[in-house]
Protein backbone atom coordinates (compact mmCIF):
# COMPACT_ATOMS: atom_id res chain seq x y z
CA MET A 1 -22.91 -0.37 78.33
CA SER A 2 -20.03 0.78 80.63
CA ALA A 3 -20.05 -0.62 84.03
CA GLU A 4 -21.73 2.46 85.70
CA ASP A 5 -24.22 2.41 82.74
CA GLN A 6 -24.91 -1.21 83.64
CA GLY A 7 -25.83 -0.11 87.07
CA GLU A 8 -27.77 3.02 86.25
CA ARG A 9 -29.74 2.02 83.14
CA GLY A 10 -31.86 -0.61 84.81
CA HIS A 11 -33.90 -3.55 83.67
CA GLY A 12 -37.61 -3.11 84.23
CA GLN A 13 -39.20 -2.70 87.67
CA GLU A 14 -36.83 -5.07 89.53
CA GLU A 15 -33.79 -3.25 88.43
CA GLY A 16 -35.28 0.02 89.49
CA ARG A 17 -35.38 -1.25 93.01
CA GLY A 18 -31.63 -1.08 93.21
CA PHE A 19 -30.19 -4.15 91.56
CA THR A 20 -27.35 -2.17 90.01
CA PHE A 21 -23.58 -2.11 89.58
CA SER A 22 -23.00 0.86 91.84
CA ARG A 23 -21.75 -1.08 94.86
CA PHE A 24 -19.28 -2.95 92.85
CA ALA A 25 -18.12 0.18 90.99
CA ARG A 26 -17.29 2.01 94.27
CA GLN A 27 -14.61 -0.51 95.05
CA ASP A 28 -11.11 0.69 95.14
CA PHE A 29 -9.73 -2.09 93.21
CA TYR A 30 -12.27 -1.38 90.39
CA LYS A 31 -11.19 2.12 90.24
CA ALA A 32 -7.55 1.21 89.98
CA VAL A 33 -8.24 -1.10 87.18
CA ASN A 34 -9.71 1.72 85.13
CA VAL A 35 -7.10 4.22 86.21
CA HIS A 36 -4.45 1.80 84.91
CA LEU A 37 -6.27 1.43 81.49
CA ILE A 38 -6.51 5.32 81.02
CA GLN A 39 -2.81 5.60 82.02
CA LEU A 40 -1.94 3.52 78.94
CA LEU A 41 -3.46 6.21 76.60
CA GLU A 42 -1.13 8.43 74.87
CA VAL A 43 -2.48 11.98 75.34
CA GLU A 44 -1.60 15.47 74.07
CA PRO A 45 -3.18 18.86 73.93
CA GLY A 46 -6.24 19.39 71.78
CA MET A 47 -7.59 15.69 71.91
CA ARG A 48 -11.11 14.85 71.56
CA VAL A 49 -11.98 11.67 73.63
CA VAL A 50 -15.13 9.75 73.89
CA ASP A 51 -16.17 8.01 77.02
CA LEU A 52 -18.54 5.56 75.66
CA ALA A 53 -21.30 4.44 77.80
CA CYS A 54 -20.10 6.68 80.62
CA GLY A 55 -23.02 6.06 82.92
CA THR A 56 -22.99 8.38 85.87
CA GLY A 57 -19.37 9.62 85.05
CA ALA A 58 -16.92 7.75 87.08
CA VAL A 59 -14.74 7.03 84.23
CA THR A 60 -15.30 10.53 82.79
CA LYS A 61 -13.72 11.79 86.05
CA LEU A 62 -10.56 9.78 85.50
CA LEU A 63 -10.22 11.01 81.91
CA LEU A 64 -10.49 14.60 83.22
CA GLU A 65 -7.69 13.89 85.55
CA ARG A 66 -5.61 12.41 82.69
CA LEU A 67 -6.26 15.37 80.37
CA GLN A 68 -5.78 17.90 83.19
CA GLY A 69 -3.81 20.87 81.92
CA LEU A 70 -4.06 19.83 78.22
CA ARG A 71 -5.45 22.74 76.37
CA ASP A 72 -8.48 22.61 74.06
CA SER A 73 -9.17 18.97 74.97
CA VAL A 74 -12.76 17.77 74.94
CA ILE A 75 -14.35 14.82 76.36
CA VAL A 76 -17.58 13.47 74.97
CA ALA A 77 -19.59 11.39 77.55
CA VAL A 78 -21.80 9.06 75.71
CA ASP A 79 -24.57 6.85 77.26
CA ALA A 80 -28.10 5.53 76.17
CA SER A 81 -29.54 6.31 79.58
CA ALA A 82 -30.82 10.00 80.07
CA GLU A 83 -31.13 9.47 83.65
CA ALA A 84 -27.51 8.37 84.04
CA LEU A 85 -26.26 11.38 81.78
CA GLU A 86 -28.23 13.78 84.12
CA ILE A 87 -26.35 12.36 87.26
CA ALA A 88 -23.01 12.60 85.21
CA LYS A 89 -23.73 16.32 84.45
CA ARG A 90 -24.33 17.04 88.09
CA GLU A 91 -21.17 15.01 89.14
CA LEU A 92 -18.89 16.82 86.55
CA SER A 93 -20.38 20.17 86.85
CA GLY A 94 -17.14 21.46 88.32
CA ALA A 95 -14.90 20.56 85.57
CA ALA A 96 -12.97 23.62 84.59
CA THR A 97 -9.94 23.07 82.53
CA THR A 98 -11.36 20.43 80.09
CA ALA A 99 -14.58 20.61 78.24
CA VAL A 100 -17.14 17.80 78.78
CA GLU A 101 -20.06 17.31 76.27
CA PHE A 102 -22.91 14.75 76.96
CA LEU A 103 -24.56 12.84 74.16
CA GLN A 104 -27.51 10.15 74.64
CA ALA A 105 -26.78 7.50 72.06
CA ARG A 106 -25.92 3.65 71.94
CA ALA A 107 -22.59 2.24 70.91
CA GLU A 108 -24.17 0.97 67.66
CA GLU A 109 -25.06 4.43 66.44
CA LEU A 110 -21.91 6.35 67.35
CA ALA A 111 -20.75 7.32 64.01
CA GLU A 112 -24.24 8.36 62.96
CA ARG A 113 -24.78 10.62 66.11
CA LEU A 114 -21.20 12.14 66.22
CA LYS A 115 -20.25 13.87 63.07
CA GLU A 116 -16.85 14.87 64.16
CA THR A 117 -14.09 12.32 64.18
CA VAL A 118 -12.21 11.81 67.57
CA ASP A 119 -8.84 11.04 68.83
CA ALA A 120 -9.62 8.26 71.22
CA VAL A 121 -12.54 6.03 72.41
CA VAL A 122 -12.64 4.67 75.92
CA PHE A 123 -14.90 1.80 76.68
CA CYS A 124 -14.68 0.39 80.26
CA ASN A 125 -15.86 -2.98 81.56
CA ALA A 126 -18.69 -3.49 78.99
CA ILE A 127 -17.50 -4.73 75.85
CA HIS A 128 -18.48 -8.26 77.01
CA LEU A 129 -22.11 -6.86 77.07
CA VAL A 130 -22.36 -6.14 73.34
CA GLU A 131 -23.82 -8.82 71.28
CA ASP A 132 -22.60 -7.62 67.90
CA LYS A 133 -18.98 -6.67 68.82
CA ALA A 134 -17.98 -6.56 65.23
CA GLN A 135 -20.52 -3.87 64.40
CA ALA A 136 -19.74 -1.90 67.48
CA LEU A 137 -16.06 -1.95 66.52
CA ARG A 138 -16.86 -0.77 62.91
CA GLU A 139 -18.61 2.19 64.42
CA ILE A 140 -15.80 3.00 66.58
CA ALA A 141 -13.26 2.77 63.72
CA GLN A 142 -15.37 5.00 61.71
CA LEU A 143 -15.54 7.39 64.44
CA LEU A 144 -11.71 7.64 64.95
CA LYS A 145 -9.13 9.52 63.25
CA PRO A 146 -6.28 7.61 61.53
CA GLN A 147 -4.13 6.31 64.30
CA GLY A 148 -6.84 7.14 66.82
CA GLN A 149 -6.87 5.01 70.05
CA PHE A 150 -9.47 2.51 71.27
CA ALA A 151 -9.06 1.46 74.78
CA PHE A 152 -11.24 -1.02 76.59
CA ASN A 153 -11.10 -3.59 79.41
CA SER A 154 -13.16 -6.31 80.78
CA THR A 155 -13.16 -9.12 83.47
CA PHE A 156 -15.66 -11.31 81.56
CA PHE A 157 -13.40 -13.06 79.05
CA ALA A 158 -12.40 -16.70 78.59
CA GLU A 159 -9.33 -16.53 80.68
CA ALA A 160 -10.64 -14.23 83.49
CA GLN A 161 -10.82 -16.87 86.16
CA PRO A 162 -7.43 -18.31 87.33
CA PRO A 163 -7.70 -22.19 87.54
CA GLU A 164 -7.09 -22.03 91.34
CA THR A 165 -10.46 -20.30 91.85
CA GLU A 166 -12.67 -22.98 90.46
CA ARG A 167 -13.16 -24.35 93.73
CA PHE A 168 -14.47 -20.99 95.05
CA TYR A 169 -17.15 -20.65 92.21
CA LEU A 170 -18.23 -24.23 92.44
CA ARG A 171 -18.88 -23.85 96.07
CA TRP A 172 -20.54 -20.55 95.81
CA MET A 173 -23.05 -21.48 93.12
CA SER A 174 -23.78 -24.74 94.88
CA ARG A 175 -24.46 -23.08 98.25
CA ALA A 176 -26.50 -20.32 96.69
CA ILE A 177 -28.78 -22.87 94.91
CA ARG A 178 -29.27 -24.92 98.21
CA ILE A 179 -30.22 -21.52 99.98
CA LEU A 180 -32.75 -20.69 97.30
CA ARG A 181 -34.28 -24.15 97.67
CA ARG A 182 -34.27 -24.16 101.31
CA ASP A 183 -35.67 -20.69 101.86
CA HIS A 184 -37.76 -19.95 99.01
CA GLY A 185 -38.43 -23.39 97.22
CA LEU A 186 -36.62 -22.03 94.16
CA ARG A 187 -34.05 -23.26 91.66
CA PRO A 188 -32.60 -21.88 88.52
CA SER A 189 -34.49 -22.50 85.41
CA ARG A 190 -33.24 -24.61 82.56
CA GLU A 191 -35.92 -23.04 80.37
CA VAL A 192 -35.00 -19.38 80.91
CA LYS A 193 -32.64 -18.17 78.13
CA VAL A 194 -30.32 -15.57 79.45
CA THR A 195 -28.96 -13.35 76.52
CA ALA A 196 -26.09 -15.27 75.12
CA ARG A 197 -22.84 -13.38 75.75
CA ARG A 198 -20.10 -16.10 75.24
CA PRO A 199 -16.82 -14.78 76.74
CA LEU A 200 -14.20 -14.35 73.97
CA SER A 201 -10.65 -15.45 74.55
CA VAL A 202 -7.75 -13.00 74.40
CA GLU A 203 -6.88 -14.26 70.92
CA GLU A 204 -10.42 -13.82 69.83
CA TYR A 205 -10.28 -10.19 70.82
CA ARG A 206 -7.06 -9.91 68.98
CA GLU A 207 -8.66 -11.17 65.75
CA LEU A 208 -11.82 -9.17 66.22
CA LEU A 209 -9.83 -6.05 66.33
CA ARG A 210 -7.65 -6.86 63.44
CA ALA A 211 -10.64 -7.84 61.29
CA GLN A 212 -12.09 -4.31 61.93
CA GLY A 213 -8.83 -2.47 61.16
CA PHE A 214 -7.23 -2.12 64.44
CA ARG A 215 -3.64 -2.70 65.51
CA VAL A 216 -3.08 -3.71 69.07
CA ARG A 217 -0.60 -1.29 70.61
CA ARG A 218 -0.87 -2.53 74.33
CA LEU A 219 -2.52 -5.63 75.73
CA GLU A 220 -2.14 -6.64 79.45
CA LEU A 221 -3.75 -9.28 81.60
CA GLU A 222 -3.87 -7.79 85.26
CA THR A 223 -4.68 -10.05 88.18
CA VAL A 224 -6.60 -8.34 90.71
CA PRO A 225 -7.43 -9.69 94.22
CA VAL A 226 -11.22 -9.14 94.68
CA PRO A 227 -12.10 -8.93 98.39
CA LEU A 228 -15.55 -10.09 99.83
CA GLU A 229 -17.02 -6.65 99.49
CA GLY A 230 -16.50 -6.83 95.67
CA TRP A 231 -18.43 -10.21 95.50
CA LEU A 232 -21.34 -8.88 97.61
CA GLY A 233 -21.32 -5.91 95.10
CA ILE A 234 -21.40 -8.03 92.08
CA SER A 235 -24.17 -10.04 93.71
CA GLU A 236 -26.48 -6.98 93.67
CA PHE A 237 -26.13 -6.54 90.08
CA GLY A 238 -29.12 -7.62 88.05
CA ASP A 239 -27.43 -8.93 84.99
CA PHE A 240 -24.95 -10.98 87.11
CA ILE A 241 -27.99 -12.42 89.04
CA ARG A 242 -29.68 -13.42 85.95
CA GLY A 243 -26.55 -15.25 84.43
CA ALA A 244 -25.75 -16.94 87.67
CA LEU A 245 -29.28 -17.90 88.71
CA PRO A 246 -31.41 -17.79 85.57
CA GLY A 247 -35.21 -17.47 86.13
CA VAL A 248 -34.78 -16.66 89.80
CA PRO A 249 -36.33 -13.33 91.06
CA LEU A 250 -33.69 -10.82 91.58
CA ALA A 251 -34.37 -10.14 95.26
CA GLU A 252 -34.18 -13.94 96.30
CA GLY A 253 -31.19 -14.38 93.82
CA CYS A 254 -29.24 -11.51 95.46
CA ARG A 255 -29.87 -12.67 98.88
CA ALA A 256 -28.84 -16.12 98.23
CA LEU A 257 -25.60 -15.15 96.33
CA GLN A 258 -24.65 -12.85 99.18
CA GLU A 259 -25.29 -15.38 102.00
CA ALA A 260 -23.54 -18.07 99.99
CA VAL A 261 -20.45 -15.93 99.21
CA ILE A 262 -19.96 -14.86 103.01
CA ALA A 263 -20.34 -18.50 104.00
CA VAL A 264 -17.73 -19.63 101.32
CA PHE A 265 -15.20 -16.87 102.26
CA ARG A 266 -15.57 -18.06 105.79
CA ASP A 267 -15.31 -21.84 105.24
CA LEU A 268 -12.41 -21.44 102.76
CA GLU A 269 -10.78 -18.86 105.01
CA LEU A 270 -10.25 -16.36 102.03
CA GLN A 271 -9.24 -12.81 102.29
CA ALA A 272 -9.77 -12.24 98.51
CA VAL A 273 -10.30 -14.33 95.32
CA PRO A 274 -8.19 -13.27 92.29
CA ARG A 275 -9.78 -12.24 89.03
CA ARG A 276 -8.07 -11.29 85.79
CA TRP A 277 -8.69 -8.17 83.72
CA LEU A 278 -8.05 -7.74 80.00
CA GLN A 279 -6.66 -4.32 79.23
CA VAL A 280 -6.43 -3.24 75.59
CA VAL A 281 -5.20 -0.24 73.78
CA ALA A 282 -5.59 -0.56 70.08
CA VAL A 283 -4.87 1.96 67.20
CA ARG A 284 -7.05 2.44 63.98
CA SER A 285 -4.87 1.37 61.02
CA PRO A 286 -4.42 3.91 58.41
CA GLY A 287 -6.88 3.26 55.50
CA SER A 288 -9.25 1.19 57.67
């Protein structure tokens, strides 16, 4: 899933009531992170590029800007959500110089659904959500031409939180739990098993890519100051709420996280909290 995809696909009735990634995805710093990744791609006329888990088309728009003026280029916007793809089609209806195709499919079935090999695959802010990353990378490698590019980024990896931010996270979660108990008589459940998505380290990502036939061409760690609005936005995302406060209803969890983060920003006199993004461009090795 992409970040936009995370927000638009939904998780049952509660997710449908608005617990999406949309508010976070509208942030300027978030767009800048994705712009930077796409700028790392080596582009040329006639490229065929897959925007994997495109969601409602936010990153597809950035790819259109990157490929602007390159003749015969095609972007294939892929997502598992039919609803998100319909929105993307409307948002991108004005694209003139670069063709955009749309395909409903999951990452794990890319090679099966796309019969034609491509020059690049872009996968923004979602690789951490894929349980079987090795299988997804095998699919992507199979889809890419030799020397094809695979670009991805994530802020959910082992080194994402600078050590100096530990105090912020501890106070935020502690206060949110107190608010839940005070206002709703609730507390996170130790019995609820949230889908395991252990964050990989940078070196684990390197090894995973190597094992699936990729050579890392560019790897950067970008430190991004996230303002209060960003934390309020991520607190509306169902997956984040479930991970931070397992077993808590989304509405109550969202309110507790937002009230708590406002208070912590005020108490610690914060303007922003830094977060690291992993930015990677890898190349499919010949013969892989």
